[in-house]
């Protein structure tokens, strides 16, 4: 119980510190009348990692950084398969959302040659972008997911996804206010982070490490990138593509989410019973 309380305190301190840091940094630029630099979203992803590292040492969380950041992939085969599956699933989700958006007449797909270029550049783009997303995922789906493990998968993942959304509000809000990001795109891209966060938590738990989430988050496109957008983009296209992406992401999260059996059912060979991780822990 004492260890659990210590982990919850660590999670609380991390949450407050990370929100305070990103808010202060994002508001500092408009206060001095400077447009947010283009590199800030990439570099800012390392803020959670640095704060989580400080929290791990400050609270003396047992197991070390590799354990709390969930960096042990369980072998090269598991690492590669988890990364490829998470990236492939997200590609399918975004492509399907874009295709459905075009089918209902809310948008138009990019020309075939552009879609082919996007497909060819997927792997190198993911590898480059993952250098940045690593800084987020080891904190959100690594340290925080582990600290809240006693809550069960869905409760902890929803809390993490909600905080992850809040983390992006100052950044997207300032970008929209300064005119560097269309308001509709800023709003929808922020909201879609919630189901994406659930998906990334699910693949982290399913494959036993944070690496699938790092590479999945590193996929530098959404359904909107596969559609022809005007200037400014049509609200119907943005909302339709975002809503469809969210629904499909929820489905992907449900697909990868862990199903826990009772010990009795495992021993006796009875039908599986889905239970929360916290209930399983009580039985043990």
C-alpha atoms as a PDB file:
ATOM      1  CA  UNK A   1       0.000   0.000   0.000  1.00  0.00           C
ATOM      2  CA  UNK A   2       2.841   2.391   0.865  1.00  0.00           C
ATOM      3  CA  UNK A   3       4.532   1.716  -2.472  1.00  0.00           C
ATOM      4  CA  UNK A   4       1.240   2.273  -4.309  1.00  0.00           C
ATOM      5  CA  UNK A   5       0.676   5.598  -2.539  1.00  0.00           C
ATOM      6  CA  UNK A   6       4.203   6.657  -3.407  1.00  0.00           C
ATOM      7  CA  UNK A   7       3.552   5.892  -7.075  1.00  0.00           C
ATOM      8  CA  UNK A   8       0.308   7.864  -7.040  1.00  0.00           C
ATOM      9  CA  UNK A   9       2.068  10.837  -5.457  1.00  0.00           C
ATOM     10  CA  UNK A  10       4.751  10.578  -8.130  1.00  0.00           C
ATOM     11  CA  UNK A  11       2.058  10.523 -10.821  1.00  0.00           C
ATOM     12  CA  UNK A  12       0.380  13.595  -9.305  1.00  0.00           C
ATOM     13  CA  UNK A  13       3.631  15.559  -9.098  1.00  0.00           C
ATOM     14  CA  UNK A  14       4.497  14.604 -12.673  1.00  0.00           C
ATOM     15  CA  UNK A  15       1.066  15.680 -13.948  1.00  0.00           C
ATOM     16  CA  UNK A  16       1.177  19.068 -12.232  1.00  0.00           C
ATOM     17  CA  UNK A  17       4.783  19.750 -13.223  1.00  0.00           C
ATOM     18  CA  UNK A  18       4.352  18.807 -16.874  1.00  0.00           C
ATOM     19  CA  UNK A  19       1.230  20.971 -17.256  1.00  0.00           C
ATOM     20  CA  UNK A  20       2.902  23.915 -15.550  1.00  0.00           C
ATOM     21  CA  UNK A  21       6.007  23.587 -17.732  1.00  0.00           C
ATOM     22  CA  UNK A  22       4.234  23.404 -21.108  1.00  0.00           C
ATOM     23  CA  UNK A  23       1.841  26.229 -20.172  1.00  0.00           C
ATOM     24  CA  UNK A  24       4.660  28.519 -19.066  1.00  0.00           C
ATOM     25  CA  UNK A  25       6.738  27.818 -22.177  1.00  0.00           C
ATOM     26  CA  UNK A  26       3.851  28.299 -24.630  1.00  0.00           C
ATOM     27  CA  UNK A  27       2.608  31.506 -23.002  1.00  0.00           C
ATOM     28  CA  UNK A  28       6.089  33.020 -22.799  1.00  0.00           C
ATOM     29  CA  UNK A  29       6.288  33.510 -26.571  1.00  0.00           C
ATOM     30  CA  UNK A  30       3.070  35.519 -27.110  1.00  0.00           C
ATOM     31  CA  UNK A  31       3.793  37.556 -23.976  1.00  0.00           C
ATOM     32  CA  UNK A  32       6.923  38.900 -25.674  1.00  0.00           C
ATOM     33  CA  UNK A  33       5.139  39.089 -29.030  1.00  0.00           C
ATOM     34  CA  UNK A  34       7.065  36.226 -30.653  1.00  0.00           C
ATOM     35  CA  UNK A  35       5.446  33.562 -32.825  1.00  0.00           C
ATOM     36  CA  UNK A  36       5.882  30.034 -31.521  1.00  0.00           C
ATOM     37  CA  UNK A  37       8.878  28.576 -33.403  1.00  0.00           C
ATOM     38  CA  UNK A  38       8.303  25.601 -35.655  1.00  0.00           C
ATOM     39  CA  UNK A  39      10.750  23.472 -33.701  1.00  0.00           C
ATOM     40  CA  UNK A  40       8.900  23.836 -30.388  1.00  0.00           C
ATOM     41  CA  UNK A  41       6.364  21.001 -30.917  1.00  0.00           C
ATOM     42  CA  UNK A  42       9.232  18.599 -31.706  1.00  0.00           C
ATOM     43  CA  UNK A  43      11.537  19.685 -28.881  1.00  0.00           C
ATOM     44  CA  UNK A  44       8.645  20.152 -26.450  1.00  0.00           C
ATOM     45  CA  UNK A  45       7.932  16.440 -26.568  1.00  0.00           C
ATOM     46  CA  UNK A  46      11.014  15.919 -24.418  1.00  0.00           C
ATOM     47  CA  UNK A  47       9.549  17.961 -21.567  1.00  0.00           C
ATOM     48  CA  UNK A  48       7.551  14.981 -20.188  1.00  0.00           C
ATOM     49  CA  UNK A  49      10.609  12.712 -20.394  1.00  0.00           C
ATOM     50  CA  UNK A  50      12.815  15.112 -18.439  1.00  0.00           C
ATOM     51  CA  UNK A  51      10.159  15.689 -15.784  1.00  0.00           C
ATOM     52  CA  UNK A  52       9.424  11.975 -15.452  1.00  0.00           C
ATOM     53  CA  UNK A  53      13.145  11.295 -15.050  1.00  0.00           C
ATOM     54  CA  UNK A  54      13.310  13.809 -12.217  1.00  0.00           C
ATOM     55  CA  UNK A  55      10.221  12.276 -10.591  1.00  0.00           C
ATOM     56  CA  UNK A  56      11.613   8.728 -10.798  1.00  0.00           C
ATOM     57  CA  UNK A  57      14.730   9.771  -8.894  1.00  0.00           C
ATOM     58  CA  UNK A  58      12.965  12.165  -6.516  1.00  0.00           C
ATOM     59  CA  UNK A  59      10.480   9.505  -5.366  1.00  0.00           C
ATOM     60  CA  UNK A  60      13.057   6.704  -5.542  1.00  0.00           C
ATOM     61  CA  UNK A  61      10.743   4.534  -7.584  1.00  0.00           C
ATOM     62  CA  UNK A  62      12.087   0.958  -7.507  1.00  0.00           C
ATOM     63  CA  UNK A  63      13.254  -0.706 -10.697  1.00  0.00           C
ATOM     64  CA  UNK A  64      15.233   2.047 -12.369  1.00  0.00           C
ATOM     65  CA  UNK A  65      14.665   4.167 -15.457  1.00  0.00           C
ATOM     66  CA  UNK A  66      14.609   1.281 -17.955  1.00  0.00           C
ATOM     67  CA  UNK A  67      11.794  -0.346 -16.008  1.00  0.00           C
ATOM     68  CA  UNK A  68       9.738   2.807 -15.431  1.00  0.00           C
ATOM     69  CA  UNK A  69      10.144   3.963 -19.004  1.00  0.00           C
ATOM     70  CA  UNK A  70       9.154   0.439 -20.198  1.00  0.00           C
ATOM     71  CA  UNK A  71      12.151   0.279 -22.521  1.00  0.00           C
ATOM     72  CA  UNK A  72      12.752  -3.477 -22.368  1.00  0.00           C
ATOM     73  CA  UNK A  73      11.156  -4.805 -25.572  1.00  0.00           C
ATOM     74  CA  UNK A  74      11.475  -8.514 -24.764  1.00  0.00           C
ATOM     75  CA  UNK A  75      13.661  -9.324 -27.735  1.00  0.00           C
ATOM     76  CA  UNK A  76      14.284  -7.977 -31.231  1.00  0.00           C
ATOM     77  CA  UNK A  77      11.423  -9.957 -32.792  1.00  0.00           C
ATOM     78  CA  UNK A  78       8.883  -8.574 -30.332  1.00  0.00           C
ATOM     79  CA  UNK A  79      10.263  -5.057 -30.769  1.00  0.00           C
ATOM     80  CA  UNK A  80      10.069  -5.151 -34.573  1.00  0.00           C
ATOM     81  CA  UNK A  81       6.686  -6.876 -34.730  1.00  0.00           C
ATOM     82  CA  UNK A  82       5.145  -4.496 -32.198  1.00  0.00           C
ATOM     83  CA  UNK A  83       6.465  -1.435 -34.010  1.00  0.00           C
ATOM     84  CA  UNK A  84       5.368  -2.640 -37.446  1.00  0.00           C
ATOM     85  CA  UNK A  85       1.919  -3.693 -36.262  1.00  0.00           C
ATOM     86  CA  UNK A  86       1.218  -0.409 -34.460  1.00  0.00           C
ATOM     87  CA  UNK A  87       2.372   1.703 -37.420  1.00  0.00           C
ATOM     88  CA  UNK A  88       0.486  -0.486 -39.918  1.00  0.00           C
ATOM     89  CA  UNK A  89      -2.709  -0.326 -37.867  1.00  0.00           C
ATOM     90  CA  UNK A  90      -2.547   3.464 -37.654  1.00  0.00           C
ATOM     91  CA  UNK A  91      -1.909   3.671 -41.404  1.00  0.00           C
ATOM     92  CA  UNK A  92      -4.997   1.567 -42.037  1.00  0.00           C
ATOM     93  CA  UNK A  93      -7.071   3.666 -39.626  1.00  0.00           C
ATOM     94  CA  UNK A  94      -6.088   6.992 -41.212  1.00  0.00           C
ATOM     95  CA  UNK A  95      -6.397   5.676 -44.767  1.00  0.00           C
ATOM     96  CA  UNK A  96      -9.824   4.221 -44.054  1.00  0.00           C
ATOM     97  CA  UNK A  97     -10.983   7.440 -42.370  1.00  0.00           C
ATOM     98  CA  UNK A  98      -9.811   9.473 -45.379  1.00  0.00           C
ATOM     99  CA  UNK A  99     -11.456   7.086 -47.830  1.00  0.00           C
ATOM    100  CA  UNK A 100     -14.757   7.168 -45.927  1.00  0.00           C
ATOM    101  CA  UNK A 101     -14.605  10.972 -45.783  1.00  0.00           C
ATOM    102  CA  UNK A 102     -14.237  11.074 -49.552  1.00  0.00           C
ATOM    103  CA  UNK A 103     -16.989   8.472 -49.996  1.00  0.00           C
ATOM    104  CA  UNK A 104     -19.570  10.535 -48.114  1.00  0.00           C
ATOM    105  CA  UNK A 105     -18.631  13.593 -50.148  1.00  0.00           C
ATOM    106  CA  UNK A 106     -17.002  15.552 -47.322  1.00  0.00           C
ATOM    107  CA  UNK A 107     -13.585  15.639 -48.974  1.00  0.00           C
ATOM    108  CA  UNK A 108     -11.381  14.480 -51.827  1.00  0.00           C
ATOM    109  CA  UNK A 109      -8.412  12.110 -51.650  1.00  0.00           C
ATOM    110  CA  UNK A 110      -4.997  13.306 -52.694  1.00  0.00           C
ATOM    111  CA  UNK A 111      -3.917  12.258 -56.228  1.00  0.00           C
ATOM    112  CA  UNK A 112      -2.479   8.757 -56.531  1.00  0.00           C
ATOM    113  CA  UNK A 113       1.118   9.898 -57.072  1.00  0.00           C
ATOM    114  CA  UNK A 114       1.054  11.908 -53.845  1.00  0.00           C
ATOM    115  CA  UNK A 115      -0.409   8.998 -51.894  1.00  0.00           C
ATOM    116  CA  UNK A 116       2.341   6.765 -53.316  1.00  0.00           C
ATOM    117  CA  UNK A 117       5.002   9.256 -52.223  1.00  0.00           C
ATOM    118  CA  UNK A 118       3.532   9.315 -48.736  1.00  0.00           C
ATOM    119  CA  UNK A 119       3.598   5.511 -48.580  1.00  0.00           C
ATOM    120  CA  UNK A 120       7.229   5.331 -49.741  1.00  0.00           C
ATOM    121  CA  UNK A 121       8.331   7.895 -47.159  1.00  0.00           C
ATOM    122  CA  UNK A 122       6.455   6.322 -44.243  1.00  0.00           C
ATOM    123  CA  UNK A 123       9.280   4.238 -42.768  1.00  0.00           C
ATOM    124  CA  UNK A 124      12.063   6.888 -42.868  1.00  0.00           C
ATOM    125  CA  UNK A 125       9.609   9.522 -41.636  1.00  0.00           C
ATOM    126  CA  UNK A 126       8.584   7.334 -38.703  1.00  0.00           C
ATOM    127  CA  UNK A 127      12.206   6.678 -37.737  1.00  0.00           C
ATOM    128  CA  UNK A 128      13.077  10.379 -37.789  1.00  0.00           C
ATOM    129  CA  UNK A 129       9.925  11.482 -35.980  1.00  0.00           C
ATOM    130  CA  UNK A 130      10.413   8.802 -33.318  1.00  0.00           C
ATOM    131  CA  UNK A 131      13.488  10.655 -32.064  1.00  0.00           C
ATOM    132  CA  UNK A 132      10.996  13.245 -30.843  1.00  0.00           C
ATOM    133  CA  UNK A 133       8.041  11.056 -29.832  1.00  0.00           C
ATOM    134  CA  UNK A 134      10.349   8.976 -27.628  1.00  0.00           C
ATOM    135  CA  UNK A 135      10.393  11.895 -25.207  1.00  0.00           C
ATOM    136  CA  UNK A 136       6.619  11.794 -24.811  1.00  0.00           C
ATOM    137  CA  UNK A 137       5.943   8.080 -24.819  1.00  0.00           C
ATOM    138  CA  UNK A 138       8.457   7.060 -22.149  1.00  0.00           C
ATOM    139  CA  UNK A 139       6.653   9.478 -19.822  1.00  0.00           C
ATOM    140  CA  UNK A 140       2.976   9.041 -20.732  1.00  0.00           C
ATOM    141  CA  UNK A 141       2.798   5.394 -21.766  1.00  0.00           C
ATOM    142  CA  UNK A 142       5.900   4.445 -19.787  1.00  0.00           C
ATOM    143  CA  UNK A 143       6.241   6.024 -16.341  1.00  0.00           C
ATOM    144  CA  UNK A 144       2.674   7.278 -15.895  1.00  0.00           C
ATOM    145  CA  UNK A 145       1.060   4.101 -17.256  1.00  0.00           C
ATOM    146  CA  UNK A 146       3.094   2.055 -14.791  1.00  0.00           C
ATOM    147  CA  UNK A 147       2.403   4.394 -11.875  1.00  0.00           C
ATOM    148  CA  UNK A 148      -1.367   4.127 -12.456  1.00  0.00           C
ATOM    149  CA  UNK A 149      -1.386   0.394 -13.206  1.00  0.00           C
ATOM    150  CA  UNK A 150      -3.393  -0.286 -10.046  1.00  0.00           C
ATOM    151  CA  UNK A 151      -6.355   1.534 -11.579  1.00  0.00           C
ATOM    152  CA  UNK A 152      -6.790  -1.075 -14.303  1.00  0.00           C
ATOM    153  CA  UNK A 153      -6.218  -0.560 -18.000  1.00  0.00           C
ATOM    154  CA  UNK A 154      -9.224   1.500 -19.071  1.00  0.00           C
ATOM    155  CA  UNK A 155      -9.356   3.798 -16.062  1.00  0.00           C
ATOM    156  CA  UNK A 156      -5.621   4.534 -16.126  1.00  0.00           C
ATOM    157  CA  UNK A 157      -5.484   4.894 -19.912  1.00  0.00           C
ATOM    158  CA  UNK A 158      -8.434   7.289 -19.978  1.00  0.00           C
ATOM    159  CA  UNK A 159      -6.815   9.418 -17.274  1.00  0.00           C
ATOM    160  CA  UNK A 160      -3.506   9.474 -19.163  1.00  0.00           C
ATOM    161  CA  UNK A 161      -5.199  10.251 -22.478  1.00  0.00           C
ATOM    162  CA  UNK A 162      -7.161  13.123 -20.895  1.00  0.00           C
ATOM    163  CA  UNK A 163      -3.998  14.581 -19.381  1.00  0.00           C
ATOM    164  CA  UNK A 164      -2.214  14.136 -22.714  1.00  0.00           C
ATOM    165  CA  UNK A 165      -4.983  16.137 -24.400  1.00  0.00           C
ATOM    166  CA  UNK A 166      -4.652  18.865 -21.759  1.00  0.00           C
ATOM    167  CA  UNK A 167      -0.883  18.922 -22.314  1.00  0.00           C
ATOM    168  CA  UNK A 168      -1.472  19.927 -25.952  1.00  0.00           C
ATOM    169  CA  UNK A 169      -4.086  22.610 -25.228  1.00  0.00           C
ATOM    170  CA  UNK A 170      -1.579  25.441 -24.509  1.00  0.00           C
ATOM    171  CA  UNK A 171       0.466  24.597 -27.604  1.00  0.00           C
ATOM    172  CA  UNK A 172      -2.445  24.241 -30.026  1.00  0.00           C
ATOM    173  CA  UNK A 173      -4.277  27.166 -28.436  1.00  0.00           C
ATOM    174  CA  UNK A 174      -1.378  29.579 -28.893  1.00  0.00           C
ATOM    175  CA  UNK A 175      -0.763  28.328 -32.447  1.00  0.00           C
ATOM    176  CA  UNK A 176      -4.429  28.933 -33.310  1.00  0.00           C
ATOM    177  CA  UNK A 177      -4.396  32.371 -31.663  1.00  0.00           C
ATOM    178  CA  UNK A 178      -1.281  33.341 -33.608  1.00  0.00           C
ATOM    179  CA  UNK A 179      -2.753  32.075 -36.874  1.00  0.00           C
ATOM    180  CA  UNK A 180      -0.160  29.372 -37.548  1.00  0.00           C
ATOM    181  CA  UNK A 181      -2.767  26.611 -37.166  1.00  0.00           C
ATOM    182  CA  UNK A 182      -6.381  26.877 -38.366  1.00  0.00           C
ATOM    183  CA  UNK A 183      -8.769  26.966 -35.418  1.00  0.00           C
ATOM    184  CA  UNK A 184     -10.849  23.994 -36.581  1.00  0.00           C
ATOM    185  CA  UNK A 185      -7.739  21.896 -37.178  1.00  0.00           C
ATOM    186  CA  UNK A 186      -6.342  22.903 -33.775  1.00  0.00           C
ATOM    187  CA  UNK A 187      -9.562  21.865 -32.018  1.00  0.00           C
ATOM    188  CA  UNK A 188     -10.100  18.564 -33.829  1.00  0.00           C
ATOM    189  CA  UNK A 189      -6.445  17.505 -33.698  1.00  0.00           C
ATOM    190  CA  UNK A 190      -6.476  18.103 -29.950  1.00  0.00           C
ATOM    191  CA  UNK A 191      -9.659  16.087 -29.380  1.00  0.00           C
ATOM    192  CA  UNK A 192      -8.486  13.159 -31.524  1.00  0.00           C
ATOM    193  CA  UNK A 193      -5.493  12.794 -29.212  1.00  0.00           C
ATOM    194  CA  UNK A 194      -7.775  11.144 -26.644  1.00  0.00           C
ATOM    195  CA  UNK A 195      -8.565   7.994 -28.670  1.00  0.00           C
ATOM    196  CA  UNK A 196      -5.014   8.009 -30.044  1.00  0.00           C
ATOM    197  CA  UNK A 197      -3.754   7.986 -26.455  1.00  0.00           C
ATOM    198  CA  UNK A 198      -5.930   4.969 -25.678  1.00  0.00           C
ATOM    199  CA  UNK A 199      -4.556   3.192 -28.740  1.00  0.00           C
ATOM    200  CA  UNK A 200      -0.949   3.908 -27.754  1.00  0.00           C
ATOM    201  CA  UNK A 201      -1.597   2.693 -24.198  1.00  0.00           C
ATOM    202  CA  UNK A 202      -3.159  -0.490 -25.559  1.00  0.00           C
ATOM    203  CA  UNK A 203      -0.202  -1.381 -27.799  1.00  0.00           C
ATOM    204  CA  UNK A 204       2.210  -0.576 -24.969  1.00  0.00           C
ATOM    205  CA  UNK A 205       0.483  -3.051 -22.662  1.00  0.00           C
ATOM    206  CA  UNK A 206      -0.088  -5.630 -25.395  1.00  0.00           C
ATOM    207  CA  UNK A 207       3.567  -5.775 -26.500  1.00  0.00           C
ATOM    208  CA  UNK A 208       5.051  -5.221 -23.059  1.00  0.00           C
ATOM    209  CA  UNK A 209       7.117  -2.127 -23.855  1.00  0.00           C
ATOM    210  CA  UNK A 210       6.774   1.486 -24.900  1.00  0.00           C
ATOM    211  CA  UNK A 211       8.519   1.026 -28.279  1.00  0.00           C
ATOM    212  CA  UNK A 212       5.367   0.263 -30.321  1.00  0.00           C
ATOM    213  CA  UNK A 213       3.840   3.493 -28.994  1.00  0.00           C
ATOM    214  CA  UNK A 214       7.018   5.432 -29.806  1.00  0.00           C
ATOM    215  CA  UNK A 215       6.977   4.333 -33.445  1.00  0.00           C
ATOM    216  CA  UNK A 216       3.191   4.494 -33.740  1.00  0.00           C
ATOM    217  CA  UNK A 217       3.165   8.044 -32.421  1.00  0.00           C
ATOM    218  CA  UNK A 218       6.055   8.748 -34.786  1.00  0.00           C
ATOM    219  CA  UNK A 219       3.803   8.245 -37.815  1.00  0.00           C
ATOM    220  CA  UNK A 220       3.780  11.853 -39.109  1.00  0.00           C
ATOM    221  CA  UNK A 221       0.383  11.888 -40.796  1.00  0.00           C
ATOM    222  CA  UNK A 222      -3.338  11.799 -40.133  1.00  0.00           C
ATOM    223  CA  UNK A 223      -6.390  11.299 -42.302  1.00  0.00           C
ATOM    224  CA  UNK A 224      -6.262  15.011 -43.161  1.00  0.00           C
ATOM    225  CA  UNK A 225      -2.852  14.571 -44.804  1.00  0.00           C
ATOM    226  CA  UNK A 226      -4.438  12.136 -47.237  1.00  0.00           C
ATOM    227  CA  UNK A 227      -7.141  14.595 -48.280  1.00  0.00           C
ATOM    228  CA  UNK A 228      -7.068  17.684 -50.457  1.00  0.00           C
ATOM    229  CA  UNK A 229      -7.538  20.661 -48.137  1.00  0.00           C
ATOM    230  CA  UNK A 230      -8.359  24.211 -49.091  1.00  0.00           C
ATOM    231  CA  UNK A 231      -7.039  27.364 -47.493  1.00  0.00           C
ATOM    232  CA  UNK A 232      -8.672  27.549 -45.041  1.00  0.00           C
ATOM    233  CA  UNK A 233      -9.718  23.883 -44.953  1.00  0.00           C
ATOM    234  CA  UNK A 234     -13.425  23.139 -45.143  1.00  0.00           C
ATOM    235  CA  UNK A 235     -14.906  22.535 -41.687  1.00  0.00           C
ATOM    236  CA  UNK A 236     -16.983  19.611 -42.972  1.00  0.00           C
ATOM    237  CA  UNK A 237     -13.857  17.830 -44.222  1.00  0.00           C
ATOM    238  CA  UNK A 238     -11.919  18.422 -41.006  1.00  0.00           C
ATOM    239  CA  UNK A 239     -14.744  17.359 -38.685  1.00  0.00           C
ATOM    240  CA  UNK A 240     -15.745  14.304 -40.735  1.00  0.00           C
ATOM    241  CA  UNK A 241     -12.199  12.984 -41.101  1.00  0.00           C
ATOM    242  CA  UNK A 242     -11.459  13.632 -37.426  1.00  0.00           C
ATOM    243  CA  UNK A 243     -14.663  11.972 -36.205  1.00  0.00           C
ATOM    244  CA  UNK A 244     -14.079   8.892 -38.341  1.00  0.00           C
ATOM    245  CA  UNK A 245     -10.455   8.716 -37.213  1.00  0.00           C
ATOM    246  CA  UNK A 246     -11.566   8.908 -33.576  1.00  0.00           C
ATOM    247  CA  UNK A 247     -14.091   6.099 -33.976  1.00  0.00           C
ATOM    248  CA  UNK A 248     -11.541   3.857 -35.681  1.00  0.00           C
ATOM    249  CA  UNK A 249      -8.910   4.657 -33.054  1.00  0.00           C
ATOM    250  CA  UNK A 250     -11.344   3.663 -30.314  1.00  0.00           C
ATOM    251  CA  UNK A 251     -11.845   0.387 -32.179  1.00  0.00           C
ATOM    252  CA  UNK A 252      -8.095  -0.151 -32.450  1.00  0.00           C
ATOM    253  CA  UNK A 253      -7.653   0.532 -28.730  1.00  0.00           C
ATOM    254  CA  UNK A 254     -10.376  -1.981 -27.891  1.00  0.00           C
ATOM    255  CA  UNK A 255      -8.756  -4.565 -30.179  1.00  0.00           C
ATOM    256  CA  UNK A 256      -5.351  -4.311 -28.482  1.00  0.00           C
ATOM    257  CA  UNK A 257      -6.616  -3.731 -24.938  1.00  0.00           C
ATOM    258  CA  UNK A 258      -5.673  -6.507 -22.499  1.00  0.00           C
ATOM    259  CA  UNK A 259      -8.189  -9.150 -21.497  1.00  0.00           C
ATOM    260  CA  UNK A 260      -7.493 -10.507 -18.016  1.00  0.00           C
ATOM    261  CA  UNK A 261      -8.631 -13.951 -16.936  1.00  0.00           C
ATOM    262  CA  UNK A 262      -9.336 -15.050 -13.396  1.00  0.00           C
ATOM    263  CA  UNK A 263      -6.816 -17.475 -11.963  1.00  0.00           C
ATOM    264  CA  UNK A 264      -9.563 -20.022 -11.385  1.00  0.00           C
ATOM    265  CA  UNK A 265     -10.666 -19.908 -15.021  1.00  0.00           C
ATOM    266  CA  UNK A 266      -7.095 -20.377 -16.223  1.00  0.00           C
ATOM    267  CA  UNK A 267      -6.510 -23.386 -13.969  1.00  0.00           C
ATOM    268  CA  UNK A 268      -9.816 -25.121 -14.622  1.00  0.00           C
ATOM    269  CA  UNK A 269      -9.938 -24.329 -18.335  1.00  0.00           C
ATOM    270  CA  UNK A 270     -13.242 -22.493 -18.060  1.00  0.00           C
ATOM    271  CA  UNK A 271     -14.312 -19.753 -20.490  1.00  0.00           C
ATOM    272  CA  UNK A 272     -12.350 -16.551 -20.170  1.00  0.00           C
ATOM    273  CA  UNK A 273     -13.774 -13.865 -17.935  1.00  0.00           C
ATOM    274  CA  UNK A 274     -12.753 -10.318 -18.620  1.00  0.00           C
ATOM    275  CA  UNK A 275     -11.815  -8.485 -15.469  1.00  0.00           C
ATOM    276  CA  UNK A 276      -9.930  -5.381 -14.581  1.00  0.00           C
ATOM    277  CA  UNK A 277      -6.277  -5.590 -13.591  1.00  0.00           C
ATOM    278  CA  UNK A 278      -7.113  -4.241 -10.144  1.00  0.00           C
ATOM    279  CA  UNK A 279      -9.593  -7.061  -9.568  1.00  0.00           C
ATOM    280  CA  UNK A 280      -6.965  -9.588 -10.680  1.00  0.00           C
ATOM    281  CA  UNK A 281      -4.532  -8.109  -8.173  1.00  0.00           C
ATOM    282  CA  UNK A 282      -7.050  -8.499  -5.340  1.00  0.00           C
ATOM    283  CA  UNK A 283      -7.478 -12.194  -6.200  1.00  0.00           C
ATOM    284  CA  UNK A 284      -3.725 -12.700  -6.115  1.00  0.00           C
END
